[in-house]
Amino acid sequence: MDEPQIPPAPQPPSQVSWPFRWAWQVFVAIAGIVTIILGIVLLPLPGPGSVVIVAGIGILATEFIWAKQLMTRIRIWGKQQLRRLKTWKKPNGK
């Protein structure tokens, strides 16, 4: 028997023609900026405002190099702070 044909995999956004690539980048930029604005609005309110801002930068990092570099800096800073928190000793007393 003949084996069934496997359909070709969809092309990643980097290999599609420029109008679609441009439209995808515009969509990602709008989604990332809206998410960042939502995070800024959430900062004074009780809620995860800073986490939403980082998520917005993460959305932008999927398409833009500057955002990817910023995410790398945020990730390094977060790891440093976590390491610092783990080695922090409570002062004597209460």
PDB file of N, CA and C in Angstrom:
ATOM      1  N   MET A   1       0.823  -1.185   0.000  1.00  0.00           N
ATOM      2  CA  MET A   1       0.000   0.000   0.000  1.00  0.00           C
ATOM      3  C   MET A   1       0.868   1.249   0.000  1.00  0.00           C
ATOM      4  N   ASP A   2       0.308   2.288  -0.554  1.00  0.00           N
ATOM      5  CA  ASP A   2       1.011   3.564  -0.567  1.00  0.00           C
ATOM      6  C   ASP A   2       0.857   4.245   0.782  1.00  0.00           C
ATOM      7  N   GLU A   3       1.939   4.842   1.214  1.00  0.00           N
ATOM      8  CA  GLU A   3       1.882   5.591   2.470  1.00  0.00           C
ATOM      9  C   GLU A   3       1.189   6.926   2.220  1.00  0.00           C
ATOM     10  N   PRO A   4       0.447   7.402   3.207  1.00  0.00           N
ATOM     11  CA  PRO A   4      -0.235   8.690   3.007  1.00  0.00           C
ATOM     12  C   PRO A   4       0.782   9.823   2.885  1.00  0.00           C
ATOM     13  N   GLN A   5       0.424  10.787   2.077  1.00  0.00           N
ATOM     14  CA  GLN A   5       1.284  11.950   1.877  1.00  0.00           C
ATOM     15  C   GLN A   5       1.215  12.860   3.098  1.00  0.00           C
ATOM     16  N   ILE A   6       2.368  13.295   3.546  1.00  0.00           N
ATOM     17  CA  ILE A   6       2.428  14.237   4.659  1.00  0.00           C
ATOM     18  C   ILE A   6       2.382  15.643   4.072  1.00  0.00           C
ATOM     19  N   PRO A   7       1.434  16.456   4.512  1.00  0.00           N
ATOM     20  CA  PRO A   7       1.369  17.814   3.959  1.00  0.00           C
ATOM     21  C   PRO A   7       2.607  18.604   4.374  1.00  0.00           C
ATOM     22  N   PRO A   8       3.036  19.540   3.540  1.00  0.00           N
ATOM     23  CA  PRO A   8       4.219  20.337   3.893  1.00  0.00           C
ATOM     24  C   PRO A   8       3.936  21.189   5.126  1.00  0.00           C
ATOM     25  N   ALA A   9       4.976  21.391   5.895  1.00  0.00           N
ATOM     26  CA  ALA A   9       4.851  22.204   7.109  1.00  0.00           C
ATOM     27  C   ALA A   9       4.613  23.660   6.721  1.00  0.00           C
ATOM     28  N   PRO A  10       3.826  24.383   7.504  1.00  0.00           N
ATOM     29  CA  PRO A  10       3.621  25.805   7.196  1.00  0.00           C
ATOM     30  C   PRO A  10       4.932  26.566   7.346  1.00  0.00           C
ATOM     31  N   GLN A  11       5.090  27.574   6.518  1.00  0.00           N
ATOM     32  CA  GLN A  11       6.317  28.357   6.561  1.00  0.00           C
ATOM     33  C   GLN A  11       6.333  29.244   7.789  1.00  0.00           C
ATOM     34  N   PRO A  12       7.485  29.322   8.461  1.00  0.00           N
ATOM     35  CA  PRO A  12       7.574  30.278   9.565  1.00  0.00           C
ATOM     36  C   PRO A  12       7.483  31.698   9.019  1.00  0.00           C
ATOM     37  N   PRO A  13       7.095  32.643   9.846  1.00  0.00           N
ATOM     38  CA  PRO A  13       6.914  34.016   9.363  1.00  0.00           C
ATOM     39  C   PRO A  13       8.153  34.611   8.700  1.00  0.00           C
ATOM     40  N   SER A  14       9.352  34.141   9.023  1.00  0.00           N
ATOM     41  CA  SER A  14      10.556  34.731   8.444  1.00  0.00           C
ATOM     42  C   SER A  14      10.747  34.335   6.986  1.00  0.00           C
ATOM     43  N   GLN A  15      10.028  33.317   6.490  1.00  0.00           N
ATOM     44  CA  GLN A  15      10.215  32.862   5.125  1.00  0.00           C
ATOM     45  C   GLN A  15       9.061  33.231   4.208  1.00  0.00           C
ATOM     46  N   VAL A  16       8.131  34.022   4.681  1.00  0.00           N
ATOM     47  CA  VAL A  16       7.016  34.438   3.833  1.00  0.00           C
ATOM     48  C   VAL A  16       7.375  35.744   3.150  1.00  0.00           C
ATOM     49  N   SER A  17       6.591  36.118   2.153  1.00  0.00           N
ATOM     50  CA  SER A  17       6.909  37.324   1.389  1.00  0.00           C
ATOM     51  C   SER A  17       6.784  38.580   2.255  1.00  0.00           C
ATOM     52  N   TRP A  18       7.405  39.649   1.812  1.00  0.00           N
ATOM     53  CA  TRP A  18       7.534  40.837   2.652  1.00  0.00           C
ATOM     54  C   TRP A  18       6.215  41.476   3.066  1.00  0.00           C
ATOM     55  N   PRO A  19       5.140  41.532   2.249  1.00  0.00           N
ATOM     56  CA  PRO A  19       3.922  42.181   2.770  1.00  0.00           C
ATOM     57  C   PRO A  19       3.335  41.429   3.967  1.00  0.00           C
ATOM     58  N   PHE A  20       3.380  40.096   3.919  1.00  0.00           N
ATOM     59  CA  PHE A  20       2.850  39.319   5.031  1.00  0.00           C
ATOM     60  C   PHE A  20       3.762  39.427   6.246  1.00  0.00           C
ATOM     61  N   ARG A  21       5.042  39.463   6.005  1.00  0.00           N
ATOM     62  CA  ARG A  21       6.004  39.621   7.098  1.00  0.00           C
ATOM     63  C   ARG A  21       5.795  40.967   7.787  1.00  0.00           C
ATOM     64  N   TRP A  22       5.629  42.003   6.989  1.00  0.00           N
ATOM     65  CA  TRP A  22       5.409  43.342   7.524  1.00  0.00           C
ATOM     66  C   TRP A  22       4.111  43.390   8.319  1.00  0.00           C
ATOM     67  N   ALA A  23       3.059  42.780   7.775  1.00  0.00           N
ATOM     68  CA  ALA A  23       1.769  42.768   8.471  1.00  0.00           C
ATOM     69  C   ALA A  23       1.884  42.019   9.795  1.00  0.00           C
ATOM     70  N   TRP A  24       2.643  40.922   9.805  1.00  0.00           N
ATOM     71  CA  TRP A  24       2.834  40.150  11.031  1.00  0.00           C
ATOM     72  C   TRP A  24       3.575  40.992  12.073  1.00  0.00           C
ATOM     73  N   GLN A  25       4.613  41.715  11.650  1.00  0.00           N
ATOM     74  CA  GLN A  25       5.361  42.556  12.577  1.00  0.00           C
ATOM     75  C   GLN A  25       4.496  43.675  13.137  1.00  0.00           C
ATOM     76  N   VAL A  26       3.629  44.243  12.321  1.00  0.00           N
ATOM     77  CA  VAL A  26       2.713  45.284  12.795  1.00  0.00           C
ATOM     78  C   VAL A  26       1.766  44.690  13.832  1.00  0.00           C
ATOM     79  N   PHE A  27       1.238  43.486  13.560  1.00  0.00           N
ATOM     80  CA  PHE A  27       0.347  42.830  14.501  1.00  0.00           C
ATOM     81  C   PHE A  27       1.047  42.557  15.825  1.00  0.00           C
ATOM     82  N   VAL A  28       2.268  42.046  15.776  1.00  0.00           N
ATOM     83  CA  VAL A  28       3.032  41.749  16.994  1.00  0.00           C
ATOM     84  C   VAL A  28       3.335  43.040  17.747  1.00  0.00           C
ATOM     85  N   ALA A  29       3.689  44.099  17.018  1.00  0.00           N
ATOM     86  CA  ALA A  29       3.982  45.377  17.671  1.00  0.00           C
ATOM     87  C   ALA A  29       2.753  45.918  18.391  1.00  0.00           C
ATOM     88  N   ILE A  30       1.606  45.860  17.742  1.00  0.00           N
ATOM     89  CA  ILE A  30       0.375  46.362  18.369  1.00  0.00           C
ATOM     90  C   ILE A  30       0.033  45.521  19.602  1.00  0.00           C
ATOM     91  N   ALA A  31       0.110  44.193  19.469  1.00  0.00           N
ATOM     92  CA  ALA A  31      -0.216  43.318  20.602  1.00  0.00           C
ATOM     93  C   ALA A  31       0.742  43.562  21.772  1.00  0.00           C
ATOM     94  N   GLY A  32       2.034  43.718  21.488  1.00  0.00           N
ATOM     95  CA  GLY A  32       3.007  43.956  22.546  1.00  0.00           C
ATOM     96  C   GLY A  32       2.818  45.297  23.226  1.00  0.00           C
ATOM     97  N   ILE A  33       2.559  46.332  22.436  1.00  0.00           N
ATOM     98  CA  ILE A  33       2.381  47.674  22.999  1.00  0.00           C
ATOM     99  C   ILE A  33       1.098  47.743  23.832  1.00  0.00           C
ATOM    100  N   VAL A  34       0.023  47.120  23.353  1.00  0.00           N
ATOM    101  CA  VAL A  34      -1.232  47.108  24.118  1.00  0.00           C
ATOM    102  C   VAL A  34      -1.027  46.379  25.436  1.00  0.00           C
ATOM    103  N   THR A  35      -0.274  45.277  25.410  1.00  0.00           N
ATOM    104  CA  THR A  35      -0.007  44.531  26.639  1.00  0.00           C
ATOM    105  C   THR A  35       0.823  45.353  27.614  1.00  0.00           C
ATOM    106  N   ILE A  36       1.806  46.072  27.111  1.00  0.00           N
ATOM    107  CA  ILE A  36       2.636  46.921  27.975  1.00  0.00           C
ATOM    108  C   ILE A  36       1.788  48.043  28.581  1.00  0.00           C
ATOM    109  N   ILE A  37       0.925  48.656  27.778  1.00  0.00           N
ATOM    110  CA  ILE A  37       0.056  49.722  28.294  1.00  0.00           C
ATOM    111  C   ILE A  37      -0.876  49.172  29.371  1.00  0.00           C
ATOM    112  N   LEU A  38      -1.417  47.984  29.138  1.00  0.00           N
ATOM    113  CA  LEU A  38      -2.256  47.346  30.148  1.00  0.00           C
ATOM    114  C   LEU A  38      -1.472  47.122  31.441  1.00  0.00           C
ATOM    115  N   GLY A  39      -0.219  46.705  31.319  1.00  0.00           N
ATOM    116  CA  GLY A  39       0.618  46.514  32.503  1.00  0.00           C
ATOM    117  C   GLY A  39       0.876  47.809  33.240  1.00  0.00           C
ATOM    118  N   ILE A  40       1.083  48.893  32.495  1.00  0.00           N
ATOM    119  CA  ILE A  40       1.302  50.197  33.128  1.00  0.00           C
ATOM    120  C   ILE A  40       0.046  50.632  33.880  1.00  0.00           C
ATOM    121  N   VAL A  41      -1.120  50.379  33.288  1.00  0.00           N
ATOM    122  CA  VAL A  41      -2.376  50.714  33.964  1.00  0.00           C
ATOM    123  C   VAL A  41      -2.524  49.888  35.239  1.00  0.00           C
ATOM    124  N   LEU A  42      -2.077  48.633  35.214  1.00  0.00           N
ATOM    125  CA  LEU A  42      -2.211  47.758  36.373  1.00  0.00           C
ATOM    126  C   LEU A  42      -1.196  48.043  37.482  1.00  0.00           C
ATOM    127  N   LEU A  43      -0.165  48.804  37.209  1.00  0.00           N
ATOM    128  CA  LEU A  43       0.871  49.049  38.232  1.00  0.00           C
ATOM    129  C   LEU A  43       0.318  49.636  39.528  1.00  0.00           C
ATOM    130  N   PRO A  44      -0.487  50.699  39.501  1.00  0.00           N
ATOM    131  CA  PRO A  44      -0.976  51.230  40.782  1.00  0.00           C
ATOM    132  C   PRO A  44      -2.096  50.402  41.399  1.00  0.00           C
ATOM    133  N   LEU A  45      -2.687  49.534  40.622  1.00  0.00           N
ATOM    134  CA  LEU A  45      -3.778  48.699  41.122  1.00  0.00           C
ATOM    135  C   LEU A  45      -3.206  47.406  41.705  1.00  0.00           C
ATOM    136  N   PRO A  46      -3.952  46.762  42.574  1.00  0.00           N
ATOM    137  CA  PRO A  46      -3.478  45.472  43.067  1.00  0.00           C
ATOM    138  C   PRO A  46      -3.560  44.450  41.931  1.00  0.00           C
ATOM    139  N   GLY A  47      -2.431  43.978  41.525  1.00  0.00           N
ATOM    140  CA  GLY A  47      -2.401  43.023  40.422  1.00  0.00           C
ATOM    141  C   GLY A  47      -0.998  42.904  39.864  1.00  0.00           C
ATOM    142  N   PRO A  48      -0.829  42.032  38.924  1.00  0.00           N
ATOM    143  CA  PRO A  48       0.500  41.742  38.397  1.00  0.00           C
ATOM    144  C   PRO A  48       0.933  42.694  37.276  1.00  0.00           C
ATOM    145  N   GLY A  49       1.002  43.977  37.556  1.00  0.00           N
ATOM    146  CA  GLY A  49       1.355  44.947  36.522  1.00  0.00           C
ATOM    147  C   GLY A  49       2.720  44.725  35.924  1.00  0.00           C
ATOM    148  N   SER A  50       3.720  44.496  36.762  1.00  0.00           N
ATOM    149  CA  SER A  50       5.082  44.319  36.240  1.00  0.00           C
ATOM    150  C   SER A  50       5.198  43.030  35.439  1.00  0.00           C
ATOM    151  N   VAL A  51       4.467  42.003  35.834  1.00  0.00           N
ATOM    152  CA  VAL A  51       4.497  40.741  35.088  1.00  0.00           C
ATOM    153  C   VAL A  51       3.871  40.933  33.704  1.00  0.00           C
ATOM    154  N   VAL A  52       2.802  41.716  33.629  1.00  0.00           N
ATOM    155  CA  VAL A  52       2.148  41.984  32.352  1.00  0.00           C
ATOM    156  C   VAL A  52       3.060  42.804  31.450  1.00  0.00           C
ATOM    157  N   ILE A  53       3.813  43.743  32.012  1.00  0.00           N
ATOM    158  CA  ILE A  53       4.763  44.527  31.224  1.00  0.00           C
ATOM    159  C   ILE A  53       5.838  43.621  30.647  1.00  0.00           C
ATOM    160  N   VAL A  54       6.380  42.722  31.455  1.00  0.00           N
ATOM    161  CA  VAL A  54       7.401  41.794  30.976  1.00  0.00           C
ATOM    162  C   VAL A  54       6.815  40.879  29.900  1.00  0.00           C
ATOM    163  N   ALA A  55       5.556  40.476  30.049  1.00  0.00           N
ATOM    164  CA  ALA A  55       4.906  39.660  29.026  1.00  0.00           C
ATOM    165  C   ALA A  55       4.783  40.426  27.709  1.00  0.00           C
ATOM    166  N   GLY A  56       4.472  41.713  27.791  1.00  0.00           N
ATOM    167  CA  GLY A  56       4.406  42.537  26.587  1.00  0.00           C
ATOM    168  C   GLY A  56       5.743  42.651  25.896  1.00  0.00           C
ATOM    169  N   ILE A  57       6.803  42.796  26.678  1.00  0.00           N
ATOM    170  CA  ILE A  57       8.147  42.832  26.092  1.00  0.00           C
ATOM    171  C   ILE A  57       8.479  41.471  25.476  1.00  0.00           C
ATOM    172  N   GLY A  58       8.020  40.405  26.115  1.00  0.00           N
ATOM    173  CA  GLY A  58       8.223  39.072  25.555  1.00  0.00           C
ATOM    174  C   GLY A  58       7.519  38.901  24.215  1.00  0.00           C
ATOM    175  N   ILE A  59       6.333  39.463  24.095  1.00  0.00           N
ATOM    176  CA  ILE A  59       5.622  39.417  22.811  1.00  0.00           C
ATOM    177  C   ILE A  59       6.420  40.157  21.751  1.00  0.00           C
ATOM    178  N   LEU A  60       6.915  41.328  22.104  1.00  0.00           N
ATOM    179  CA  LEU A  60       7.718  42.102  21.149  1.00  0.00           C
ATOM    180  C   LEU A  60       9.026  41.391  20.797  1.00  0.00           C
ATOM    181  N   ALA A  61       9.570  40.639  21.756  1.00  0.00           N
ATOM    182  CA  ALA A  61      10.850  39.960  21.542  1.00  0.00           C
ATOM    183  C   ALA A  61      10.757  38.852  20.504  1.00  0.00           C
ATOM    184  N   THR A  62       9.554  38.409  20.170  1.00  0.00           N
ATOM    185  CA  THR A  62       9.433  37.372  19.148  1.00  0.00           C
ATOM    186  C   THR A  62       9.774  37.899  17.766  1.00  0.00           C
ATOM    187  N   GLU A  63       9.719  39.215  17.579  1.00  0.00           N
ATOM    188  CA  GLU A  63       9.969  39.786  16.258  1.00  0.00           C
ATOM    189  C   GLU A  63      11.028  40.878  16.200  1.00  0.00           C
ATOM    190  N   PHE A  64      11.368  41.471  17.339  1.00  0.00           N
ATOM    191  CA  PHE A  64      12.262  42.623  17.315  1.00  0.00           C
ATOM    192  C   PHE A  64      13.512  42.353  18.146  1.00  0.00           C
ATOM    193  N   ILE A  65      14.670  42.630  17.566  1.00  0.00           N
ATOM    194  CA  ILE A  65      15.949  42.339  18.221  1.00  0.00           C
ATOM    195  C   ILE A  65      16.117  43.178  19.483  1.00  0.00           C
ATOM    196  N   TRP A  66      15.740  44.454  19.449  1.00  0.00           N
ATOM    197  CA  TRP A  66      15.921  45.309  20.628  1.00  0.00           C
ATOM    198  C   TRP A  66      15.131  44.769  21.812  1.00  0.00           C
ATOM    199  N   ALA A  67      13.942  44.231  21.553  1.00  0.00           N
ATOM    200  CA  ALA A  67      13.136  43.675  22.638  1.00  0.00           C
ATOM    201  C   ALA A  67      13.731  42.367  23.143  1.00  0.00           C
ATOM    202  N   LYS A  68      14.327  41.597  22.231  1.00  0.00           N
ATOM    203  CA  LYS A  68      14.978  40.353  22.640  1.00  0.00           C
ATOM    204  C   LYS A  68      16.177  40.660  23.539  1.00  0.00           C
ATOM    205  N   GLN A  69      16.936  41.697  23.211  1.00  0.00           N
ATOM    206  CA  GLN A  69      18.066  42.094  24.056  1.00  0.00           C
ATOM    207  C   GLN A  69      17.575  42.594  25.412  1.00  0.00           C
ATOM    208  N   LEU A  70      16.474  43.330  25.420  1.00  0.00           N
ATOM    209  CA  LEU A  70      15.902  43.805  26.678  1.00  0.00           C
ATOM    210  C   LEU A  70      15.422  42.631  27.526  1.00  0.00           C
ATOM    211  N   MET A  71      14.798  41.631  26.905  1.00  0.00           N
ATOM    212  CA  MET A  71      14.363  40.445  27.648  1.00  0.00           C
ATOM    213  C   MET A  71      15.552  39.701  28.240  1.00  0.00           C
ATOM    214  N   THR A  72      16.658  39.658  27.508  1.00  0.00           N
ATOM    215  CA  THR A  72      17.871  39.012  28.036  1.00  0.00           C
ATOM    216  C   THR A  72      18.358  39.750  29.267  1.00  0.00           C
ATOM    217  N   ARG A  73      18.359  41.073  29.222  1.00  0.00           N
ATOM    218  CA  ARG A  73      18.767  41.867  30.391  1.00  0.00           C
ATOM    219  C   ARG A  73      17.838  41.642  31.573  1.00  0.00           C
ATOM    220  N   ILE A  74      16.530  41.596  31.301  1.00  0.00           N
ATOM    221  CA  ILE A  74      15.550  41.364  32.368  1.00  0.00           C
ATOM    222  C   ILE A  74      15.755  39.982  32.971  1.00  0.00           C
ATOM    223  N   ARG A  75      15.998  38.983  32.127  1.00  0.00           N
ATOM    224  CA  ARG A  75      16.201  37.620  32.609  1.00  0.00           C
ATOM    225  C   ARG A  75      17.455  37.539  33.483  1.00  0.00           C
ATOM    226  N   ILE A  76      18.542  38.173  33.055  1.00  0.00           N
ATOM    227  CA  ILE A  76      19.782  38.174  33.846  1.00  0.00           C
ATOM    228  C   ILE A  76      19.552  38.882  35.173  1.00  0.00           C
ATOM    229  N   TRP A  77      18.881  40.042  35.147  1.00  0.00           N
ATOM    230  CA  TRP A  77      18.598  40.780  36.376  1.00  0.00           C
ATOM    231  C   TRP A  77      17.746  39.942  37.328  1.00  0.00           C
ATOM    232  N   GLY A  78      16.743  39.269  36.787  1.00  0.00           N
ATOM    233  CA  GLY A  78      15.882  38.437  37.618  1.00  0.00           C
ATOM    234  C   GLY A  78      16.648  37.291  38.268  1.00  0.00           C
ATOM    235  N   LYS A  79      17.545  36.672  37.514  1.00  0.00           N
ATOM    236  CA  LYS A  79      18.348  35.582  38.088  1.00  0.00           C
ATOM    237  C   LYS A  79      19.276  36.107  39.179  1.00  0.00           C
ATOM    238  N   GLN A  80      19.848  37.289  38.975  1.00  0.00           N
ATOM    239  CA  GLN A  80      20.711  37.885  39.999  1.00  0.00           C
ATOM    240  C   GLN A  80      19.917  38.174  41.262  1.00  0.00           C
ATOM    241  N   GLN A  81      18.712  38.706  41.106  1.00  0.00           N
ATOM    242  CA  GLN A  81      17.896  39.030  42.267  1.00  0.00           C
ATOM    243  C   GLN A  81      17.450  37.764  43.000  1.00  0.00           C
ATOM    244  N   LEU A  82      17.146  36.719  42.262  1.00  0.00           N
ATOM    245  CA  LEU A  82      16.753  35.461  42.879  1.00  0.00           C
ATOM    246  C   LEU A  82      17.925  34.851  43.654  1.00  0.00           C
ATOM    247  N   ARG A  83      19.114  34.897  43.065  1.00  0.00           N
ATOM    248  CA  ARG A  83      20.310  34.395  43.745  1.00  0.00           C
ATOM    249  C   ARG A  83      20.588  35.204  45.011  1.00  0.00           C
ATOM    250  N   ARG A  84      20.409  36.525  44.907  1.00  0.00           N
ATOM    251  CA  ARG A  84      20.616  37.399  46.063  1.00  0.00           C
ATOM    252  C   ARG A  84      19.604  37.107  47.164  1.00  0.00           C
ATOM    253  N   LEU A  85      18.369  36.841  46.785  1.00  0.00           N
ATOM    254  CA  LEU A  85      17.322  36.536  47.751  1.00  0.00           C
ATOM    255  C   LEU A  85      17.596  35.201  48.450  1.00  0.00           C
ATOM    256  N   LYS A  86      18.121  34.231  47.709  1.00  0.00           N
ATOM    257  CA  LYS A  86      18.417  32.925  48.299  1.00  0.00           C
ATOM    258  C   LYS A  86      19.548  32.998  49.313  1.00  0.00           C
ATOM    259  N   THR A  87      20.501  33.895  49.103  1.00  0.00           N
ATOM    260  CA  THR A  87      21.638  34.003  50.031  1.00  0.00           C
ATOM    261  C   THR A  87      21.429  35.025  51.129  1.00  0.00           C
ATOM    262  N   TRP A  88      20.297  35.706  51.107  1.00  0.00           N
ATOM    263  CA  TRP A  88      20.012  36.739  52.105  1.00  0.00           C
ATOM    264  C   TRP A  88      19.723  36.079  53.436  1.00  0.00           C
ATOM    265  N   LYS A  89      20.333  36.611  54.470  1.00  0.00           N
ATOM    266  CA  LYS A  89      20.119  36.088  55.819  1.00  0.00           C
ATOM    267  C   LYS A  89      19.305  37.103  56.614  1.00  0.00           C
ATOM    268  N   LYS A  90      18.376  36.584  57.366  1.00  0.00           N
ATOM    269  CA  LYS A  90      17.548  37.443  58.192  1.00  0.00           C
ATOM    270  C   LYS A  90      18.400  38.014  59.324  1.00  0.00           C
ATOM    271  N   PRO A  91      18.165  39.276  59.692  1.00  0.00           N
ATOM    272  CA  PRO A  91      18.920  39.836  60.803  1.00  0.00           C
ATOM    273  C   PRO A  91      18.543  39.136  62.109  1.00  0.00           C
ATOM    274  N   ASN A  92      19.476  39.126  63.057  1.00  0.00           N
ATOM    275  CA  ASN A  92      19.225  38.503  64.362  1.00  0.00           C
ATOM    276  C   ASN A  92      18.123  39.242  65.090  1.00  0.00           C
ATOM    277  N   GLY A  93      17.392  38.521  65.853  1.00  0.00           N
ATOM    278  CA  GLY A  93      16.280  39.133  66.591  1.00  0.00           C
ATOM    279  C   GLY A  93      14.969  38.568  66.109  1.00  0.00           C
ATOM    280  N   LYS A  94      14.002  39.450  65.995  1.00  0.00           N
ATOM    281  CA  LYS A  94      12.667  38.987  65.594  1.00  0.00           C
ATOM    282  C   LYS A  94      12.617  38.573  64.184  1.00  0.00           C
TER     283      LYS A  94
END
